[in-house]
Amino acid sequence: MIGSHKINSRIAPKAVSQAPLPAEVERAMTYDWGVLVDAYLMDAGRVGDRYAATVFCDRSGRASDGTTVATPAVEHLSTQGGFQLLRAVAAFDHYVIVSELST
């Protein structure tokens, strides 16, 4: 699972991965979300109040780009340019859904 309560909000940036980021992730990163985004999620599949997705730019460093993760329980905050900003219900983590699987 990604995300955790962060005691220190100044986290060292993750080393640049060798593979380029998907263009959709780069586009989602251009928006001003008003919060620090903890991870970008692609091909997200909703399961109740959680998502399983492919993660990119995980600030916690727990998940490498392109790995599959599960979020904690989240709530929708806003939408910009077709991307969705989510917040973990029991933490201060924020995620952006770049693409979502259709049901």
N, C-alpha and C. Protein backbone atom coordinates (compact mmCIF):
# COMPACT_ATOMS: atom_id res chain seq x y z
N MET A 1 0.85 -1.16 0.00
CA MET A 1 0.00 0.00 0.00
C MET A 1 0.89 1.22 0.00
N ILE A 2 0.49 2.26 -0.73
CA ILE A 2 1.28 3.48 -0.74
C ILE A 2 0.70 4.45 0.26
N GLY A 3 1.49 5.46 0.57
CA GLY A 3 1.01 6.51 1.46
C GLY A 3 1.29 6.20 2.90
N SER A 4 1.54 7.25 3.62
CA SER A 4 1.74 7.16 5.05
C SER A 4 1.72 8.57 5.59
N HIS A 5 1.46 8.71 6.88
CA HIS A 5 1.51 10.02 7.50
C HIS A 5 2.95 10.50 7.47
N LYS A 6 3.14 11.68 6.96
CA LYS A 6 4.50 12.20 6.84
C LYS A 6 4.79 13.16 7.98
N ILE A 7 5.83 12.88 8.74
CA ILE A 7 6.23 13.76 9.83
C ILE A 7 6.96 14.97 9.26
N ASN A 8 7.80 14.76 8.27
CA ASN A 8 8.56 15.83 7.65
C ASN A 8 8.07 15.99 6.22
N SER A 9 7.50 17.16 5.92
CA SER A 9 6.94 17.35 4.58
C SER A 9 8.01 17.58 3.52
N ARG A 10 9.26 17.79 3.92
CA ARG A 10 10.33 17.97 2.95
C ARG A 10 10.97 16.62 2.69
N ILE A 11 10.52 15.97 1.64
CA ILE A 11 11.01 14.64 1.29
C ILE A 11 11.97 14.78 0.13
N ALA A 12 13.08 14.09 0.21
CA ALA A 12 14.05 14.13 -0.88
C ALA A 12 13.40 13.57 -2.13
N PRO A 13 13.59 14.24 -3.27
CA PRO A 13 13.00 13.71 -4.50
C PRO A 13 13.59 12.36 -4.86
N LYS A 14 12.75 11.53 -5.43
CA LYS A 14 13.18 10.20 -5.85
C LYS A 14 14.13 10.32 -7.04
N ALA A 15 15.06 9.44 -7.11
CA ALA A 15 16.00 9.44 -8.24
C ALA A 15 15.23 9.30 -9.54
N VAL A 16 15.68 9.98 -10.54
CA VAL A 16 15.01 9.93 -11.84
C VAL A 16 15.10 8.52 -12.40
N SER A 17 13.94 8.00 -12.78
CA SER A 17 13.93 6.64 -13.33
C SER A 17 14.55 6.65 -14.72
N GLN A 18 15.00 5.50 -15.17
CA GLN A 18 15.63 5.40 -16.48
C GLN A 18 14.59 5.50 -17.60
N ALA A 19 13.40 5.02 -17.38
CA ALA A 19 12.35 5.09 -18.39
C ALA A 19 11.65 6.43 -18.29
N PRO A 20 11.28 7.02 -19.42
CA PRO A 20 10.57 8.30 -19.38
C PRO A 20 9.17 8.11 -18.80
N LEU A 21 8.64 9.17 -18.21
CA LEU A 21 7.28 9.12 -17.69
C LEU A 21 6.30 9.09 -18.86
N PRO A 22 5.16 8.44 -18.68
CA PRO A 22 4.13 8.50 -19.71
C PRO A 22 3.70 9.96 -19.92
N ALA A 23 3.38 10.31 -21.15
CA ALA A 23 2.99 11.68 -21.49
C ALA A 23 1.80 12.15 -20.66
N GLU A 24 0.87 11.25 -20.35
CA GLU A 24 -0.30 11.62 -19.57
C GLU A 24 0.08 12.03 -18.16
N VAL A 25 1.07 11.35 -17.58
CA VAL A 25 1.54 11.71 -16.24
C VAL A 25 2.20 13.08 -16.29
N GLU A 26 3.04 13.29 -17.29
CA GLU A 26 3.69 14.59 -17.42
C GLU A 26 2.66 15.70 -17.56
N ARG A 27 1.59 15.46 -18.31
CA ARG A 27 0.53 16.46 -18.48
C ARG A 27 -0.19 16.71 -17.16
N ALA A 28 -0.48 15.66 -16.40
CA ALA A 28 -1.16 15.83 -15.10
C ALA A 28 -0.29 16.61 -14.12
N MET A 29 1.02 16.48 -14.27
CA MET A 29 1.95 17.18 -13.38
C MET A 29 1.99 18.68 -13.66
N THR A 30 1.48 19.13 -14.79
CA THR A 30 1.51 20.56 -15.12
C THR A 30 0.40 21.34 -14.43
N TYR A 31 -0.59 20.66 -13.87
CA TYR A 31 -1.69 21.35 -13.21
C TYR A 31 -1.29 21.76 -11.81
N ASP A 32 -1.84 22.89 -11.35
CA ASP A 32 -1.64 23.33 -9.97
C ASP A 32 -2.76 22.71 -9.14
N TRP A 33 -2.41 21.70 -8.37
CA TRP A 33 -3.40 20.99 -7.58
C TRP A 33 -3.63 21.65 -6.23
N GLY A 34 -2.78 22.59 -5.85
CA GLY A 34 -2.95 23.28 -4.57
C GLY A 34 -2.45 22.50 -3.38
N VAL A 35 -1.96 21.29 -3.62
CA VAL A 35 -1.41 20.44 -2.57
C VAL A 35 -0.21 19.70 -3.13
N LEU A 36 0.57 19.13 -2.28
CA LEU A 36 1.68 18.28 -2.71
C LEU A 36 1.11 16.93 -3.12
N VAL A 37 1.31 16.54 -4.37
CA VAL A 37 0.80 15.27 -4.87
C VAL A 37 1.78 14.17 -4.51
N ASP A 38 1.30 13.14 -3.83
CA ASP A 38 2.16 12.05 -3.36
C ASP A 38 2.41 10.99 -4.41
N ALA A 39 1.51 10.84 -5.38
CA ALA A 39 1.70 9.87 -6.45
C ALA A 39 0.68 10.10 -7.55
N TYR A 40 1.06 9.68 -8.75
CA TYR A 40 0.18 9.74 -9.91
C TYR A 40 -0.19 8.31 -10.28
N LEU A 41 -1.48 8.07 -10.54
CA LEU A 41 -1.99 6.72 -10.74
C LEU A 41 -2.55 6.56 -12.15
N MET A 42 -2.10 5.51 -12.84
CA MET A 42 -2.60 5.20 -14.17
C MET A 42 -3.35 3.88 -14.14
N ASP A 43 -4.29 3.74 -15.07
CA ASP A 43 -5.09 2.52 -15.17
C ASP A 43 -5.68 2.14 -13.82
N ALA A 44 -6.19 3.15 -13.14
CA ALA A 44 -6.74 2.95 -11.80
C ALA A 44 -8.07 2.22 -11.86
N GLY A 45 -8.21 1.20 -11.03
CA GLY A 45 -9.45 0.45 -10.92
C GLY A 45 -10.01 0.65 -9.53
N ARG A 46 -11.23 1.14 -9.46
CA ARG A 46 -11.86 1.42 -8.16
C ARG A 46 -12.37 0.13 -7.53
N VAL A 47 -12.06 -0.02 -6.26
CA VAL A 47 -12.55 -1.15 -5.47
C VAL A 47 -13.08 -0.55 -4.17
N GLY A 48 -14.39 -0.30 -4.13
CA GLY A 48 -14.98 0.38 -2.97
C GLY A 48 -14.46 1.80 -2.88
N ASP A 49 -13.82 2.14 -1.76
CA ASP A 49 -13.28 3.49 -1.58
C ASP A 49 -11.76 3.51 -1.75
N ARG A 50 -11.24 2.52 -2.46
CA ARG A 50 -9.80 2.41 -2.72
C ARG A 50 -9.58 2.22 -4.22
N TYR A 51 -8.31 2.33 -4.61
CA TYR A 51 -7.96 2.10 -6.01
C TYR A 51 -6.76 1.18 -6.09
N ALA A 52 -6.73 0.33 -7.10
CA ALA A 52 -5.54 -0.41 -7.50
C ALA A 52 -5.09 0.24 -8.79
N ALA A 53 -3.79 0.53 -8.91
CA ALA A 53 -3.33 1.29 -10.08
C ALA A 53 -1.83 1.10 -10.29
N THR A 54 -1.38 1.55 -11.45
CA THR A 54 0.05 1.62 -11.75
C THR A 54 0.52 2.98 -11.28
N VAL A 55 1.56 3.01 -10.47
CA VAL A 55 2.00 4.25 -9.83
C VAL A 55 3.21 4.87 -10.52
N PHE A 56 3.25 6.19 -10.49
CA PHE A 56 4.39 6.95 -10.98
C PHE A 56 4.67 8.09 -10.01
N CYS A 57 5.94 8.40 -9.84
CA CYS A 57 6.38 9.53 -9.01
C CYS A 57 5.90 9.42 -7.56
N ASP A 58 6.00 8.23 -6.98
CA ASP A 58 5.61 8.01 -5.59
C ASP A 58 6.62 8.70 -4.68
N ARG A 59 6.20 9.76 -4.02
CA ARG A 59 7.10 10.55 -3.18
C ARG A 59 7.58 9.80 -1.94
N SER A 60 6.85 8.78 -1.52
CA SER A 60 7.27 8.03 -0.33
C SER A 60 8.47 7.14 -0.64
N GLY A 61 8.68 6.83 -1.93
CA GLY A 61 9.78 5.96 -2.31
C GLY A 61 9.49 4.49 -2.10
N ARG A 62 8.29 4.16 -1.70
CA ARG A 62 7.94 2.76 -1.44
C ARG A 62 7.64 1.97 -2.71
N ALA A 63 7.23 2.68 -3.76
CA ALA A 63 6.86 2.00 -5.00
C ALA A 63 7.62 2.61 -6.17
N SER A 64 8.21 1.76 -6.97
CA SER A 64 8.92 2.21 -8.16
C SER A 64 7.92 2.53 -9.27
N ASP A 65 8.31 3.44 -10.16
CA ASP A 65 7.46 3.77 -11.30
C ASP A 65 7.08 2.50 -12.05
N GLY A 66 5.79 2.39 -12.36
CA GLY A 66 5.29 1.27 -13.13
C GLY A 66 4.83 0.08 -12.32
N THR A 67 4.97 0.14 -11.00
CA THR A 67 4.50 -0.98 -10.18
C THR A 67 3.02 -0.79 -9.84
N THR A 68 2.37 -1.87 -9.48
CA THR A 68 0.97 -1.82 -9.10
C THR A 68 0.87 -1.61 -7.60
N VAL A 69 0.00 -0.69 -7.21
CA VAL A 69 -0.18 -0.36 -5.80
C VAL A 69 -1.66 -0.34 -5.47
N ALA A 70 -1.95 -0.32 -4.19
CA ALA A 70 -3.32 -0.12 -3.70
C ALA A 70 -3.30 1.11 -2.80
N THR A 71 -4.26 1.99 -2.98
CA THR A 71 -4.33 3.18 -2.15
C THR A 71 -5.05 2.83 -0.84
N PRO A 72 -4.89 3.68 0.15
CA PRO A 72 -5.79 3.57 1.31
C PRO A 72 -7.16 4.10 0.88
N ALA A 73 -8.11 4.10 1.78
CA ALA A 73 -9.42 4.67 1.47
C ALA A 73 -9.23 6.14 1.09
N VAL A 74 -9.89 6.55 -0.01
CA VAL A 74 -9.72 7.90 -0.52
C VAL A 74 -11.07 8.55 -0.78
N GLU A 75 -11.02 9.89 -0.90
CA GLU A 75 -12.20 10.65 -1.30
C GLU A 75 -11.80 11.60 -2.42
N HIS A 76 -12.75 11.87 -3.31
CA HIS A 76 -12.52 12.75 -4.46
C HIS A 76 -12.55 14.20 -3.99
N LEU A 77 -11.56 14.99 -4.42
CA LEU A 77 -11.52 16.41 -4.07
C LEU A 77 -11.86 17.32 -5.25
N SER A 78 -11.24 17.06 -6.41
CA SER A 78 -11.48 17.93 -7.55
C SER A 78 -11.08 17.23 -8.84
N THR A 79 -11.45 17.85 -9.96
CA THR A 79 -11.09 17.35 -11.28
C THR A 79 -10.57 18.52 -12.11
N GLN A 80 -9.47 18.28 -12.82
CA GLN A 80 -8.91 19.28 -13.74
C GLN A 80 -8.45 18.55 -14.99
N GLY A 81 -8.87 19.03 -16.15
CA GLY A 81 -8.42 18.47 -17.40
C GLY A 81 -8.62 16.98 -17.54
N GLY A 82 -9.64 16.46 -16.89
CA GLY A 82 -9.91 15.02 -16.94
C GLY A 82 -9.15 14.21 -15.91
N PHE A 83 -8.30 14.85 -15.12
CA PHE A 83 -7.56 14.17 -14.05
C PHE A 83 -8.29 14.41 -12.73
N GLN A 84 -8.23 13.41 -11.84
CA GLN A 84 -8.94 13.52 -10.56
C GLN A 84 -7.95 13.59 -9.40
N LEU A 85 -8.18 14.54 -8.50
CA LEU A 85 -7.39 14.65 -7.28
C LEU A 85 -8.12 13.94 -6.16
N LEU A 86 -7.42 13.03 -5.50
CA LEU A 86 -7.98 12.28 -4.38
C LEU A 86 -7.18 12.57 -3.12
N ARG A 87 -7.82 12.42 -1.97
CA ARG A 87 -7.13 12.55 -0.67
C ARG A 87 -7.41 11.30 0.15
N ALA A 88 -6.37 10.80 0.78
CA ALA A 88 -6.55 9.66 1.68
C ALA A 88 -7.40 10.11 2.86
N VAL A 89 -8.39 9.33 3.22
CA VAL A 89 -9.33 9.69 4.28
C VAL A 89 -8.63 9.78 5.64
N ALA A 90 -7.73 8.87 5.93
CA ALA A 90 -7.11 8.81 7.25
C ALA A 90 -5.67 9.34 7.28
N ALA A 91 -5.28 10.10 6.26
CA ALA A 91 -3.91 10.61 6.21
C ALA A 91 -3.91 11.92 5.43
N PHE A 92 -2.74 12.44 5.21
CA PHE A 92 -2.62 13.70 4.48
C PHE A 92 -2.10 13.49 3.07
N ASP A 93 -2.21 12.29 2.54
CA ASP A 93 -1.70 11.97 1.21
C ASP A 93 -2.70 12.35 0.13
N HIS A 94 -2.15 12.79 -1.01
CA HIS A 94 -2.96 13.16 -2.16
C HIS A 94 -2.46 12.41 -3.39
N TYR A 95 -3.40 11.96 -4.20
CA TYR A 95 -3.08 11.21 -5.40
C TYR A 95 -3.84 11.81 -6.58
N VAL A 96 -3.25 11.73 -7.75
CA VAL A 96 -3.93 12.17 -8.97
C VAL A 96 -4.16 10.95 -9.84
N ILE A 97 -5.42 10.72 -10.20
CA ILE A 97 -5.72 9.65 -11.15
C ILE A 97 -5.54 10.22 -12.54
N VAL A 98 -4.59 9.65 -13.25
CA VAL A 98 -4.28 10.07 -14.61
C VAL A 98 -5.22 9.38 -15.59
N SER A 99 -5.44 8.08 -15.37
CA SER A 99 -6.36 7.32 -16.22
C SER A 99 -7.05 6.28 -15.35
N GLU A 100 -8.31 6.04 -15.67
CA GLU A 100 -9.11 5.10 -14.89
C GLU A 100 -9.67 4.03 -15.81
N LEU A 101 -9.65 2.80 -15.35
CA LEU A 101 -10.22 1.70 -16.11
C LEU A 101 -11.73 1.83 -16.10
N SER A 102 -12.35 1.56 -17.23
CA SER A 102 -13.82 1.62 -17.29
C SER A 102 -14.39 0.33 -16.73
N THR A 103 -15.58 0.45 -16.20
CA THR A 103 -16.23 -0.71 -15.61
C THR A 103 -17.21 -1.34 -16.55
